[in-house]
Amino acid sequence: MTRESWAFVFGIIGNIISFAVFLSPLPTFYVIFKKKSAEGFQALPYVVALFSAMLWIYYVALPNTLGFVFGIIQMVVYLIYRNATPVVEAPMKGQELSGGHIIDVVKIGTDPNRAGGGAGSKV
């Protein structure tokens, strides 16, 4: 058998065992139903099984659901802007602050050709 065949067989076996685990409380619930009383049984195993199933739903369904939603959003944005003319913004000279001040960003460096030297000058 190939590796893929083994993976398929073990996947089927895992699904059968998982299904059996979820069906395992049925005899207990049959006894509870027949006696019309849950006396002597605790809810903890059933709560744990429920939360376990909920975590698997979160693990499997949430990423796929989010991927679907994000894909829809991306398609909507694309459809809205597919024929739009791009907006060209003018380059900014400075950044305006809340006080109404403008800061100019200036490149400060040394000119190696200046007299008096600098970081790159030859002395």
PDB file of N, CA and C in Angstrom:
ATOM      1  N   MET A   1       0.844  -1.190   0.000  1.00  0.00           N
ATOM      2  CA  MET A   1       0.000   0.000   0.000  1.00  0.00           C
ATOM      3  C   MET A   1       0.880   1.241   0.000  1.00  0.00           C
ATOM      4  N   THR A   2       0.381   2.272  -0.632  1.00  0.00           N
ATOM      5  CA  THR A   2       1.132   3.532  -0.672  1.00  0.00           C
ATOM      6  C   THR A   2       0.892   4.317   0.609  1.00  0.00           C
ATOM      7  N   ARG A   3       1.711   5.334   0.769  1.00  0.00           N
ATOM      8  CA  ARG A   3       1.598   6.194   1.963  1.00  0.00           C
ATOM      9  C   ARG A   3       0.228   6.878   2.017  1.00  0.00           C
ATOM     10  N   GLU A   4      -0.270   7.320   0.858  1.00  0.00           N
ATOM     11  CA  GLU A   4      -1.580   7.981   0.808  1.00  0.00           C
ATOM     12  C   GLU A   4      -2.704   7.020   1.192  1.00  0.00           C
ATOM     13  N   SER A   5      -2.571   5.771   0.783  1.00  0.00           N
ATOM     14  CA  SER A   5      -3.593   4.775   1.137  1.00  0.00           C
ATOM     15  C   SER A   5      -3.625   4.534   2.645  1.00  0.00           C
ATOM     16  N   TRP A   6      -2.426   4.429   3.250  1.00  0.00           N
ATOM     17  CA  TRP A   6      -2.362   4.251   4.703  1.00  0.00           C
ATOM     18  C   TRP A   6      -2.959   5.454   5.423  1.00  0.00           C
ATOM     19  N   ALA A   7      -2.645   6.648   4.936  1.00  0.00           N
ATOM     20  CA  ALA A   7      -3.190   7.861   5.556  1.00  0.00           C
ATOM     21  C   ALA A   7      -4.714   7.863   5.468  1.00  0.00           C
ATOM     22  N   PHE A   8      -5.251   7.441   4.327  1.00  0.00           N
ATOM     23  CA  PHE A   8      -6.706   7.386   4.160  1.00  0.00           C
ATOM     24  C   PHE A   8      -7.321   6.370   5.120  1.00  0.00           C
ATOM     25  N   VAL A   9      -6.715   5.185   5.230  1.00  0.00           N
ATOM     26  CA  VAL A   9      -7.239   4.135   6.110  1.00  0.00           C
ATOM     27  C   VAL A   9      -7.235   4.604   7.560  1.00  0.00           C
ATOM     28  N   PHE A  10      -6.105   5.180   8.002  1.00  0.00           N
ATOM     29  CA  PHE A  10      -6.036   5.649   9.382  1.00  0.00           C
ATOM     30  C   PHE A  10      -6.956   6.850   9.623  1.00  0.00           C
ATOM     31  N   GLY A  11      -7.188   7.652   8.607  1.00  0.00           N
ATOM     32  CA  GLY A  11      -8.156   8.748   8.735  1.00  0.00           C
ATOM     33  C   GLY A  11      -9.561   8.230   8.962  1.00  0.00           C
ATOM     34  N   ILE A  12      -9.938   7.186   8.217  1.00  0.00           N
ATOM     35  CA  ILE A  12     -11.262   6.572   8.395  1.00  0.00           C
ATOM     36  C   ILE A  12     -11.368   5.955   9.788  1.00  0.00           C
ATOM     37  N   ILE A  13     -10.320   5.231  10.210  1.00  0.00           N
ATOM     38  CA  ILE A  13     -10.335   4.625  11.545  1.00  0.00           C
ATOM     39  C   ILE A  13     -10.455   5.697  12.623  1.00  0.00           C
ATOM     40  N   GLY A  14      -9.712   6.797  12.473  1.00  0.00           N
ATOM     41  CA  GLY A  14      -9.795   7.899  13.439  1.00  0.00           C
ATOM     42  C   GLY A  14     -11.182   8.503  13.499  1.00  0.00           C
ATOM     43  N   ASN A  15     -11.833   8.654  12.352  1.00  0.00           N
ATOM     44  CA  ASN A  15     -13.196   9.193  12.333  1.00  0.00           C
ATOM     45  C   ASN A  15     -14.178   8.240  13.004  1.00  0.00           C
ATOM     46  N   ILE A  16     -14.016   6.947  12.795  1.00  0.00           N
ATOM     47  CA  ILE A  16     -14.906   5.961  13.434  1.00  0.00           C
ATOM     48  C   ILE A  16     -14.730   5.996  14.949  1.00  0.00           C
ATOM     49  N   ILE A  17     -13.473   6.031  15.404  1.00  0.00           N
ATOM     50  CA  ILE A  17     -13.219   6.090  16.852  1.00  0.00           C
ATOM     51  C   ILE A  17     -13.770   7.380  17.441  1.00  0.00           C
ATOM     52  N   SER A  18     -13.578   8.490  16.746  1.00  0.00           N
ATOM     53  CA  SER A  18     -14.102   9.772  17.230  1.00  0.00           C
ATOM     54  C   SER A  18     -15.627   9.730  17.340  1.00  0.00           C
ATOM     55  N   PHE A  19     -16.272   9.164  16.349  1.00  0.00           N
ATOM     56  CA  PHE A  19     -17.725   9.045  16.374  1.00  0.00           C
ATOM     57  C   PHE A  19     -18.161   8.160  17.539  1.00  0.00           C
ATOM     58  N   ALA A  20     -17.419   7.073  17.783  1.00  0.00           N
ATOM     59  CA  ALA A  20     -17.741   6.169  18.893  1.00  0.00           C
ATOM     60  C   ALA A  20     -17.585   6.871  20.237  1.00  0.00           C
ATOM     61  N   VAL A  21     -16.589   7.739  20.351  1.00  0.00           N
ATOM     62  CA  VAL A  21     -16.403   8.488  21.603  1.00  0.00           C
ATOM     63  C   VAL A  21     -17.608   9.377  21.873  1.00  0.00           C
ATOM     64  N   PHE A  22     -18.138  10.010  20.839  1.00  0.00           N
ATOM     65  CA  PHE A  22     -19.304  10.863  21.036  1.00  0.00           C
ATOM     66  C   PHE A  22     -20.570  10.061  21.327  1.00  0.00           C
ATOM     67  N   LEU A  23     -20.612   8.820  20.863  1.00  0.00           N
ATOM     68  CA  LEU A  23     -21.784   7.979  21.124  1.00  0.00           C
ATOM     69  C   LEU A  23     -21.679   7.192  22.428  1.00  0.00           C
ATOM     70  N   SER A  24     -20.515   7.181  23.057  1.00  0.00           N
ATOM     71  CA  SER A  24     -20.316   6.369  24.263  1.00  0.00           C
ATOM     72  C   SER A  24     -21.247   6.718  25.423  1.00  0.00           C
ATOM     73  N   PRO A  25     -21.702   7.963  25.606  1.00  0.00           N
ATOM     74  CA  PRO A  25     -22.625   8.227  26.713  1.00  0.00           C
ATOM     75  C   PRO A  25     -24.068   7.748  26.470  1.00  0.00           C
ATOM     76  N   LEU A  26     -24.377   7.231  25.290  1.00  0.00           N
ATOM     77  CA  LEU A  26     -25.765   6.834  24.996  1.00  0.00           C
ATOM     78  C   LEU A  26     -26.320   5.797  25.965  1.00  0.00           C
ATOM     79  N   PRO A  27     -25.585   4.750  26.343  1.00  0.00           N
ATOM     80  CA  PRO A  27     -26.154   3.813  27.320  1.00  0.00           C
ATOM     81  C   PRO A  27     -26.470   4.473  28.664  1.00  0.00           C
ATOM     82  N   THR A  28     -25.621   5.399  29.076  1.00  0.00           N
ATOM     83  CA  THR A  28     -25.867   6.122  30.329  1.00  0.00           C
ATOM     84  C   THR A  28     -27.142   6.950  30.220  1.00  0.00           C
ATOM     85  N   PHE A  29     -27.300   7.647  29.106  1.00  0.00           N
ATOM     86  CA  PHE A  29     -28.497   8.457  28.937  1.00  0.00           C
ATOM     87  C   PHE A  29     -29.748   7.597  28.781  1.00  0.00           C
ATOM     88  N   TYR A  30     -29.584   6.388  28.281  1.00  0.00           N
ATOM     89  CA  TYR A  30     -30.721   5.472  28.221  1.00  0.00           C
ATOM     90  C   TYR A  30     -31.173   5.093  29.632  1.00  0.00           C
ATOM     91  N   VAL A  31     -30.187   4.838  30.512  1.00  0.00           N
ATOM     92  CA  VAL A  31     -30.515   4.511  31.909  1.00  0.00           C
ATOM     93  C   VAL A  31     -31.173   5.710  32.586  1.00  0.00           C
ATOM     94  N   ILE A  32     -30.646   6.892  32.369  1.00  0.00           N
ATOM     95  CA  ILE A  32     -31.224   8.108  32.963  1.00  0.00           C
ATOM     96  C   ILE A  32     -32.652   8.304  32.458  1.00  0.00           C
ATOM     97  N   PHE A  33     -32.857   8.103  31.171  1.00  0.00           N
ATOM     98  CA  PHE A  33     -34.183   8.275  30.584  1.00  0.00           C
ATOM     99  C   PHE A  33     -35.163   7.238  31.140  1.00  0.00           C
ATOM    100  N   LYS A  34     -34.700   6.020  31.305  1.00  0.00           N
ATOM    101  CA  LYS A  34     -35.564   4.948  31.792  1.00  0.00           C
ATOM    102  C   LYS A  34     -35.944   5.165  33.256  1.00  0.00           C
ATOM    103  N   LYS A  35     -34.978   5.610  34.086  1.00  0.00           N
ATOM    104  CA  LYS A  35     -35.247   5.852  35.509  1.00  0.00           C
ATOM    105  C   LYS A  35     -35.877   7.206  35.759  1.00  0.00           C
ATOM    106  N   LYS A  36     -35.837   8.072  34.770  1.00  0.00           N
ATOM    107  CA  LYS A  36     -36.340   9.454  34.900  1.00  0.00           C
ATOM    108  C   LYS A  36     -35.598  10.205  35.998  1.00  0.00           C
ATOM    109  N   SER A  37     -34.309   9.851  36.192  1.00  0.00           N
ATOM    110  CA  SER A  37     -33.508  10.496  37.224  1.00  0.00           C
ATOM    111  C   SER A  37     -32.029  10.399  36.826  1.00  0.00           C
ATOM    112  N   ALA A  38     -31.283  11.466  37.073  1.00  0.00           N
ATOM    113  CA  ALA A  38     -29.845  11.478  36.811  1.00  0.00           C
ATOM    114  C   ALA A  38     -29.072  11.254  38.099  1.00  0.00           C
ATOM    115  N   GLU A  39     -29.730  10.673  39.084  1.00  0.00           N
ATOM    116  CA  GLU A  39     -29.106  10.431  40.379  1.00  0.00           C
ATOM    117  C   GLU A  39     -27.894   9.505  40.215  1.00  0.00           C
ATOM    118  N   GLY A  40     -26.781   9.899  40.827  1.00  0.00           N
ATOM    119  CA  GLY A  40     -25.562   9.099  40.767  1.00  0.00           C
ATOM    120  C   GLY A  40     -24.667   9.428  39.596  1.00  0.00           C
ATOM    121  N   PHE A  41     -25.123  10.259  38.684  1.00  0.00           N
ATOM    122  CA  PHE A  41     -24.302  10.641  37.530  1.00  0.00           C
ATOM    123  C   PHE A  41     -23.870  12.091  37.690  1.00  0.00           C
ATOM    124  N   GLN A  42     -22.640  12.366  37.296  1.00  0.00           N
ATOM    125  CA  GLN A  42     -22.133  13.741  37.345  1.00  0.00           C
ATOM    126  C   GLN A  42     -22.115  14.318  35.934  1.00  0.00           C
ATOM    127  N   ALA A  43     -22.254  15.617  35.873  1.00  0.00           N
ATOM    128  CA  ALA A  43     -22.289  16.290  34.585  1.00  0.00           C
ATOM    129  C   ALA A  43     -20.890  16.582  34.036  1.00  0.00           C
ATOM    130  N   LEU A  44     -19.852  16.494  34.855  1.00  0.00           N
ATOM    131  CA  LEU A  44     -18.504  16.888  34.448  1.00  0.00           C
ATOM    132  C   LEU A  44     -18.019  16.186  33.171  1.00  0.00           C
ATOM    133  N   PRO A  45     -18.150  14.873  33.029  1.00  0.00           N
ATOM    134  CA  PRO A  45     -17.675  14.250  31.785  1.00  0.00           C
ATOM    135  C   PRO A  45     -18.387  14.769  30.544  1.00  0.00           C
ATOM    136  N   TYR A  46     -19.654  15.086  30.678  1.00  0.00           N
ATOM    137  CA  TYR A  46     -20.421  15.563  29.526  1.00  0.00           C
ATOM    138  C   TYR A  46     -20.076  17.015  29.202  1.00  0.00           C
ATOM    139  N   VAL A  47     -19.816  17.789  30.233  1.00  0.00           N
ATOM    140  CA  VAL A  47     -19.390  19.181  30.018  1.00  0.00           C
ATOM    141  C   VAL A  47     -18.025  19.205  29.348  1.00  0.00           C
ATOM    142  N   VAL A  48     -17.113  18.345  29.792  1.00  0.00           N
ATOM    143  CA  VAL A  48     -15.779  18.281  29.189  1.00  0.00           C
ATOM    144  C   VAL A  48     -15.880  17.844  27.729  1.00  0.00           C
ATOM    145  N   ALA A  49     -16.707  16.856  27.439  1.00  0.00           N
ATOM    146  CA  ALA A  49     -16.902  16.406  26.055  1.00  0.00           C
ATOM    147  C   ALA A  49     -17.489  17.520  25.193  1.00  0.00           C
ATOM    148  N   LEU A  50     -18.427  18.284  25.763  1.00  0.00           N
ATOM    149  CA  LEU A  50     -19.027  19.394  25.031  1.00  0.00           C
ATOM    150  C   LEU A  50     -17.993  20.469  24.723  1.00  0.00           C
ATOM    151  N   PHE A  51     -17.183  20.853  25.725  1.00  0.00           N
ATOM    152  CA  PHE A  51     -16.154  21.872  25.494  1.00  0.00           C
ATOM    153  C   PHE A  51     -15.082  21.376  24.520  1.00  0.00           C
ATOM    154  N   SER A  52     -14.763  20.094  24.588  1.00  0.00           N
ATOM    155  CA  SER A  52     -13.804  19.526  23.640  1.00  0.00           C
ATOM    156  C   SER A  52     -14.333  19.657  22.213  1.00  0.00           C
ATOM    157  N   ALA A  53     -15.588  19.325  22.023  1.00  0.00           N
ATOM    158  CA  ALA A  53     -16.190  19.456  20.694  1.00  0.00           C
ATOM    159  C   ALA A  53     -16.234  20.915  20.256  1.00  0.00           C
ATOM    160  N   MET A  54     -16.517  21.813  21.197  1.00  0.00           N
ATOM    161  CA  MET A  54     -16.551  23.238  20.859  1.00  0.00           C
ATOM    162  C   MET A  54     -15.173  23.741  20.445  1.00  0.00           C
ATOM    163  N   LEU A  55     -14.120  23.265  21.119  1.00  0.00           N
ATOM    164  CA  LEU A  55     -12.766  23.668  20.747  1.00  0.00           C
ATOM    165  C   LEU A  55     -12.411  23.174  19.349  1.00  0.00           C
ATOM    166  N   TRP A  56     -12.837  21.974  18.999  1.00  0.00           N
ATOM    167  CA  TRP A  56     -12.571  21.478  17.659  1.00  0.00           C
ATOM    168  C   TRP A  56     -13.330  22.288  16.619  1.00  0.00           C
ATOM    169  N   ILE A  57     -14.545  22.692  16.948  1.00  0.00           N
ATOM    170  CA  ILE A  57     -15.288  23.556  16.023  1.00  0.00           C
ATOM    171  C   ILE A  57     -14.528  24.867  15.848  1.00  0.00           C
ATOM    172  N   TYR A  58     -14.017  25.413  16.947  1.00  0.00           N
ATOM    173  CA  TYR A  58     -13.236  26.657  16.887  1.00  0.00           C
ATOM    174  C   TYR A  58     -11.999  26.451  16.026  1.00  0.00           C
ATOM    175  N   TYR A  59     -11.315  25.322  16.202  1.00  0.00           N
ATOM    176  CA  TYR A  59     -10.075  25.054  15.487  1.00  0.00           C
ATOM    177  C   TYR A  59     -10.311  24.847  13.995  1.00  0.00           C
ATOM    178  N   VAL A  60     -11.372  24.156  13.650  1.00  0.00           N
ATOM    179  CA  VAL A  60     -11.618  23.806  12.251  1.00  0.00           C
ATOM    180  C   VAL A  60     -12.443  24.870  11.546  1.00  0.00           C
ATOM    181  N   ALA A  61     -13.527  25.288  12.155  1.00  0.00           N
ATOM    182  CA  ALA A  61     -14.462  26.170  11.469  1.00  0.00           C
ATOM    183  C   ALA A  61     -14.012  27.624  11.474  1.00  0.00           C
ATOM    184  N   LEU A  62     -13.428  28.100  12.571  1.00  0.00           N
ATOM    185  CA  LEU A  62     -13.087  29.517  12.671  1.00  0.00           C
ATOM    186  C   LEU A  62     -12.081  29.962  11.613  1.00  0.00           C
ATOM    187  N   PRO A  63     -10.965  29.269  11.433  1.00  0.00           N
ATOM    188  CA  PRO A  63     -10.040  29.730  10.393  1.00  0.00           C
ATOM    189  C   PRO A  63     -10.669  29.716   9.005  1.00  0.00           C
ATOM    190  N   ASN A  64     -11.455  28.698   8.707  1.00  0.00           N
ATOM    191  CA  ASN A  64     -12.095  28.643   7.395  1.00  0.00           C
ATOM    192  C   ASN A  64     -13.146  29.726   7.244  1.00  0.00           C
ATOM    193  N   THR A  65     -13.905  29.988   8.306  1.00  0.00           N
ATOM    194  CA  THR A  65     -14.913  31.039   8.263  1.00  0.00           C
ATOM    195  C   THR A  65     -14.258  32.405   8.100  1.00  0.00           C
ATOM    196  N   LEU A  66     -13.205  32.649   8.880  1.00  0.00           N
ATOM    197  CA  LEU A  66     -12.502  33.930   8.750  1.00  0.00           C
ATOM    198  C   LEU A  66     -11.885  34.077   7.366  1.00  0.00           C
ATOM    199  N   GLY A  67     -11.310  33.018   6.846  1.00  0.00           N
ATOM    200  CA  GLY A  67     -10.749  33.072   5.497  1.00  0.00           C
ATOM    201  C   GLY A  67     -11.816  33.392   4.462  1.00  0.00           C
ATOM    202  N   PHE A  68     -12.990  32.808   4.627  1.00  0.00           N
ATOM    203  CA  PHE A  68     -14.098  33.089   3.718  1.00  0.00           C
ATOM    204  C   PHE A  68     -14.529  34.549   3.813  1.00  0.00           C
ATOM    205  N   VAL A  69     -14.676  35.052   5.051  1.00  0.00           N
ATOM    206  CA  VAL A  69     -15.109  36.443   5.255  1.00  0.00           C
ATOM    207  C   VAL A  69     -14.076  37.409   4.684  1.00  0.00           C
ATOM    208  N   PHE A  70     -12.784  37.164   4.975  1.00  0.00           N
ATOM    209  CA  PHE A  70     -11.741  38.046   4.454  1.00  0.00           C
ATOM    210  C   PHE A  70     -11.678  37.985   2.930  1.00  0.00           C
ATOM    211  N   GLY A  71     -11.912  36.809   2.359  1.00  0.00           N
ATOM    212  CA  GLY A  71     -11.949  36.687   0.908  1.00  0.00           C
ATOM    213  C   GLY A  71     -13.095  37.478   0.303  1.00  0.00           C
ATOM    214  N   ILE A  72     -14.256  37.440   0.939  1.00  0.00           N
ATOM    215  CA  ILE A  72     -15.408  38.221   0.464  1.00  0.00           C
ATOM    216  C   ILE A  72     -15.090  39.717   0.540  1.00  0.00           C
ATOM    217  N   ILE A  73     -14.503  40.153   1.660  1.00  0.00           N
ATOM    218  CA  ILE A  73     -14.152  41.576   1.814  1.00  0.00           C
ATOM    219  C   ILE A  73     -13.171  41.996   0.726  1.00  0.00           C
ATOM    220  N   GLN A  74     -12.168  41.156   0.458  1.00  0.00           N
ATOM    221  CA  GLN A  74     -11.197  41.488  -0.577  1.00  0.00           C
ATOM    222  C   GLN A  74     -11.849  41.598  -1.945  1.00  0.00           C
ATOM    223  N   MET A  75     -12.778  40.687  -2.248  1.00  0.00           N
ATOM    224  CA  MET A  75     -13.460  40.738  -3.540  1.00  0.00           C
ATOM    225  C   MET A  75     -14.338  41.977  -3.660  1.00  0.00           C
ATOM    226  N   VAL A  76     -15.017  42.342  -2.569  1.00  0.00           N
ATOM    227  CA  VAL A  76     -15.860  43.544  -2.590  1.00  0.00           C
ATOM    228  C   VAL A  76     -15.005  44.787  -2.805  1.00  0.00           C
ATOM    229  N   VAL A  77     -13.883  44.873  -2.095  1.00  0.00           N
ATOM    230  CA  VAL A  77     -12.991  46.027  -2.270  1.00  0.00           C
ATOM    231  C   VAL A  77     -12.470  46.068  -3.707  1.00  0.00           C
ATOM    232  N   TYR A  78     -12.098  44.926  -4.245  1.00  0.00           N
ATOM    233  CA  TYR A  78     -11.631  44.883  -5.627  1.00  0.00           C
ATOM    234  C   TYR A  78     -12.726  45.335  -6.590  1.00  0.00           C
ATOM    235  N   LEU A  79     -13.947  44.836  -6.398  1.00  0.00           N
ATOM    236  CA  LEU A  79     -15.041  45.198  -7.302  1.00  0.00           C
ATOM    237  C   LEU A  79     -15.372  46.682  -7.215  1.00  0.00           C
ATOM    238  N   ILE A  80     -15.246  47.259  -6.034  1.00  0.00           N
ATOM    239  CA  ILE A  80     -15.532  48.693  -5.879  1.00  0.00           C
ATOM    240  C   ILE A  80     -14.482  49.531  -6.592  1.00  0.00           C
ATOM    241  N   TYR A  81     -13.231  49.145  -6.468  1.00  0.00           N
ATOM    242  CA  TYR A  81     -12.137  49.990  -6.946  1.00  0.00           C
ATOM    243  C   TYR A  81     -11.468  49.487  -8.224  1.00  0.00           C
ATOM    244  N   ARG A  82     -12.045  48.531  -8.923  1.00  0.00           N
ATOM    245  CA  ARG A  82     -11.360  47.964 -10.085  1.00  0.00           C
ATOM    246  C   ARG A  82     -11.216  48.947 -11.246  1.00  0.00           C
ATOM    247  N   ASN A  83     -12.162  49.866 -11.423  1.00  0.00           N
ATOM    248  CA  ASN A  83     -12.093  50.826 -12.530  1.00  0.00           C
ATOM    249  C   ASN A  83     -11.834  52.251 -12.050  1.00  0.00           C
ATOM    250  N   ALA A  84     -11.504  52.398 -10.801  1.00  0.00           N
ATOM    251  CA  ALA A  84     -11.304  53.740 -10.249  1.00  0.00           C
ATOM    252  C   ALA A  84      -9.980  54.324 -10.744  1.00  0.00           C
ATOM    253  N   THR A  85      -9.945  55.650 -10.857  1.00  0.00           N
ATOM    254  CA  THR A  85      -8.725  56.353 -11.223  1.00  0.00           C
ATOM    255  C   THR A  85      -7.870  56.506  -9.974  1.00  0.00           C
ATOM    256  N   PRO A  86      -6.594  56.126 -10.048  1.00  0.00           N
ATOM    257  CA  PRO A  86      -5.758  56.246  -8.857  1.00  0.00           C
ATOM    258  C   PRO A  86      -5.569  57.703  -8.444  1.00  0.00           C
ATOM    259  N   VAL A  87      -5.566  57.931  -7.154  1.00  0.00           N
ATOM    260  CA  VAL A  87      -5.358  59.268  -6.599  1.00  0.00           C
ATOM    261  C   VAL A  87      -3.867  59.445  -6.370  1.00  0.00           C
ATOM    262  N   VAL A  88      -3.326  60.510  -6.962  1.00  0.00           N
ATOM    263  CA  VAL A  88      -1.905  60.804  -6.783  1.00  0.00           C
ATOM    264  C   VAL A  88      -1.797  61.894  -5.728  1.00  0.00           C
ATOM    265  N   GLU A  89      -1.110  61.571  -4.650  1.00  0.00           N
ATOM    266  CA  GLU A  89      -0.954  62.539  -3.577  1.00  0.00           C
ATOM    267  C   GLU A  89       0.282  63.391  -3.816  1.00  0.00           C
ATOM    268  N   ALA A  90       0.160  64.684  -3.488  1.00  0.00           N
ATOM    269  CA  ALA A  90       1.311  65.588  -3.597  1.00  0.00           C
ATOM    270  C   ALA A  90       2.297  65.244  -2.497  1.00  0.00           C
ATOM    271  N   PRO A  91       3.582  65.284  -2.809  1.00  0.00           N
ATOM    272  CA  PRO A  91       4.557  64.975  -1.766  1.00  0.00           C
ATOM    273  C   PRO A  91       4.518  66.024  -0.661  1.00  0.00           C
ATOM    274  N   MET A  92       4.598  65.563   0.573  1.00  0.00           N
ATOM    275  CA  MET A  92       4.561  66.475   1.717  1.00  0.00           C
ATOM    276  C   MET A  92       5.965  66.972   2.019  1.00  0.00           C
ATOM    277  N   LYS A  93       6.066  68.244   2.390  1.00  0.00           N
ATOM    278  CA  LYS A  93       7.362  68.810   2.755  1.00  0.00           C
ATOM    279  C   LYS A  93       7.624  68.609   4.240  1.00  0.00           C
ATOM    280  N   GLY A  94       6.616  68.612   5.033  1.00  0.00           N
ATOM    281  CA  GLY A  94       6.802  68.473   6.473  1.00  0.00           C
ATOM    282  C   GLY A  94       5.602  67.782   7.096  1.00  0.00           C
ATOM    283  N   GLN A  95       5.661  67.631   8.359  1.00  0.00           N
ATOM    284  CA  GLN A  95       4.581  66.986   9.093  1.00  0.00           C
ATOM    285  C   GLN A  95       3.967  68.013  10.031  1.00  0.00           C
ATOM    286  N   GLU A  96       2.654  68.229   9.921  1.00  0.00           N
ATOM    287  CA  GLU A  96       1.985  69.193  10.784  1.00  0.00           C
ATOM    288  C   GLU A  96       1.689  68.553  12.125  1.00  0.00           C
ATOM    289  N   LEU A  97       2.005  69.262  13.185  1.00  0.00           N
ATOM    290  CA  LEU A  97       1.732  68.782  14.529  1.00  0.00           C
ATOM    291  C   LEU A  97       0.449  69.394  15.038  1.00  0.00           C
ATOM    292  N   SER A  98      -0.010  68.958  16.186  1.00  0.00           N
ATOM    293  CA  SER A  98      -1.277  69.429  16.729  1.00  0.00           C
ATOM    294  C   SER A  98      -1.257  70.908  17.078  1.00  0.00           C
ATOM    295  N   GLY A  99      -0.098  71.470  17.363  1.00  0.00           N
ATOM    296  CA  GLY A  99      -0.012  72.884  17.727  1.00  0.00           C
ATOM    297  C   GLY A  99       0.069  73.805  16.533  1.00  0.00           C
ATOM    298  N   GLY A 100      -0.021  73.269  15.334  1.00  0.00           N
ATOM    299  CA  GLY A 100       0.049  74.102  14.147  1.00  0.00           C
ATOM    300  C   GLY A 100       1.479  74.325  13.685  1.00  0.00           C
ATOM    301  N   HIS A 101       2.432  73.667  14.286  1.00  0.00           N
ATOM    302  CA  HIS A 101       3.822  73.802  13.892  1.00  0.00           C
ATOM    303  C   HIS A 101       4.130  72.860  12.740  1.00  0.00           C
ATOM    304  N   ILE A 102       5.073  73.256  11.945  1.00  0.00           N
ATOM    305  CA  ILE A 102       5.518  72.407  10.852  1.00  0.00           C
ATOM    306  C   ILE A 102       6.987  72.092  11.074  1.00  0.00           C
ATOM    307  N   ILE A 103       7.302  70.827  10.938  1.00  0.00           N
ATOM    308  CA  ILE A 103       8.683  70.392  11.088  1.00  0.00           C
ATOM    309  C   ILE A 103       9.193  70.018   9.705  1.00  0.00           C
ATOM    310  N   ASP A 104      10.286  70.638   9.273  1.00  0.00           N
ATOM    311  CA  ASP A 104      10.905  70.268   8.016  1.00  0.00           C
ATOM    312  C   ASP A 104      11.972  69.226   8.290  1.00  0.00           C
ATOM    313  N   VAL A 105      11.919  68.199   7.498  1.00  0.00           N
ATOM    314  CA  VAL A 105      12.927  67.161   7.636  1.00  0.00           C
ATOM    315  C   VAL A 105      14.041  67.487   6.658  1.00  0.00           C
ATOM    316  N   VAL A 106      15.256  67.682   7.181  1.00  0.00           N
ATOM    317  CA  VAL A 106      16.402  68.061   6.363  1.00  0.00           C
ATOM    318  C   VAL A 106      17.489  67.023   6.563  1.00  0.00           C
ATOM    319  N   LYS A 107      18.114  66.629   5.468  1.00  0.00           N
ATOM    320  CA  LYS A 107      19.221  65.695   5.564  1.00  0.00           C
ATOM    321  C   LYS A 107      20.459  66.468   5.995  1.00  0.00           C
ATOM    322  N   ILE A 108      21.017  66.051   7.112  1.00  0.00           N
ATOM    323  CA  ILE A 108      22.211  66.696   7.627  1.00  0.00           C
ATOM    324  C   ILE A 108      23.375  65.753   7.359  1.00  0.00           C
ATOM    325  N   GLY A 109      24.365  66.263   6.684  1.00  0.00           N
ATOM    326  CA  GLY A 109      25.514  65.432   6.367  1.00  0.00           C
ATOM    327  C   GLY A 109      26.750  66.298   6.239  1.00  0.00           C
ATOM    328  N   THR A 110      27.824  65.675   5.872  1.00  0.00           N
ATOM    329  CA  THR A 110      29.069  66.420   5.694  1.00  0.00           C
ATOM    330  C   THR A 110      29.436  66.412   4.227  1.00  0.00           C
ATOM    331  N   ASP A 111      29.979  67.491   3.793  1.00  0.00           N
ATOM    332  CA  ASP A 111      30.439  67.613   2.425  1.00  0.00           C
ATOM    333  C   ASP A 111      31.949  67.411   2.434  1.00  0.00           C
ATOM    334  N   PRO A 112      32.461  66.365   1.819  1.00  0.00           N
ATOM    335  CA  PRO A 112      33.900  66.114   1.877  1.00  0.00           C
ATOM    336  C   PRO A 112      34.722  67.173   1.138  1.00  0.00           C
ATOM    337  N   ASN A 113      34.089  68.002   0.325  1.00  0.00           N
ATOM    338  CA  ASN A 113      34.818  69.032  -0.425  1.00  0.00           C
ATOM    339  C   ASN A 113      34.910  70.342   0.346  1.00  0.00           C
ATOM    340  N   ARG A 114      34.237  70.449   1.476  1.00  0.00           N
ATOM    341  CA  ARG A 114      34.264  71.686   2.260  1.00  0.00           C
ATOM    342  C   ARG A 114      35.585  71.817   2.980  1.00  0.00           C
ATOM    343  N   ALA A 115      36.047  73.048   3.121  1.00  0.00           N
ATOM    344  CA  ALA A 115      37.243  73.308   3.917  1.00  0.00           C
ATOM    345  C   ALA A 115      36.933  73.079   5.385  1.00  0.00           C
ATOM    346  N   GLY A 116      37.839  72.611   6.133  1.00  0.00           N
ATOM    347  CA  GLY A 116      37.578  72.357   7.534  1.00  0.00           C
ATOM    348  C   GLY A 116      37.254  70.911   7.780  1.00  0.00           C
ATOM    349  N   GLY A 117      37.147  70.179   6.721  1.00  0.00           N
ATOM    350  CA  GLY A 117      36.980  68.741   6.869  1.00  0.00           C
ATOM    351  C   GLY A 117      35.565  68.316   7.144  1.00  0.00           C
ATOM    352  N   GLY A 118      35.446  67.149   7.480  1.00  0.00           N
ATOM    353  CA  GLY A 118      34.182  66.503   7.749  1.00  0.00           C
ATOM    354  C   GLY A 118      34.441  65.027   7.885  1.00  0.00           C
ATOM    355  N   ALA A 119      33.424  64.260   8.018  1.00  0.00           N
ATOM    356  CA  ALA A 119      33.597  62.841   8.237  1.00  0.00           C
ATOM    357  C   ALA A 119      34.267  62.161   7.050  1.00  0.00           C
ATOM    358  N   GLY A 120      33.998  62.651   5.853  1.00  0.00           N
ATOM    359  CA  GLY A 120      34.561  62.007   4.671  1.00  0.00           C
ATOM    360  C   GLY A 120      35.676  62.810   4.026  1.00  0.00           C
ATOM    361  N   SER A 121      36.193  63.833   4.670  1.00  0.00           N
ATOM    362  CA  SER A 121      37.199  64.679   4.034  1.00  0.00           C
ATOM    363  C   SER A 121      38.586  64.093   4.183  1.00  0.00           C
ATOM    364  N   LYS A 122      39.436  64.499   3.276  1.00  0.00           N
ATOM    365  CA  LYS A 122      40.835  64.068   3.323  1.00  0.00           C
ATOM    366  C   LYS A 122      41.655  65.182   3.945  1.00  0.00           C
ATOM    367  N   VAL A 123      42.372  64.914   4.959  1.00  0.00           N
ATOM    368  CA  VAL A 123      43.168  65.941   5.631  1.00  0.00           C
ATOM    369  C   VAL A 123      44.598  65.816   5.244  1.00  0.00           C
TER     370      VAL A 123
END
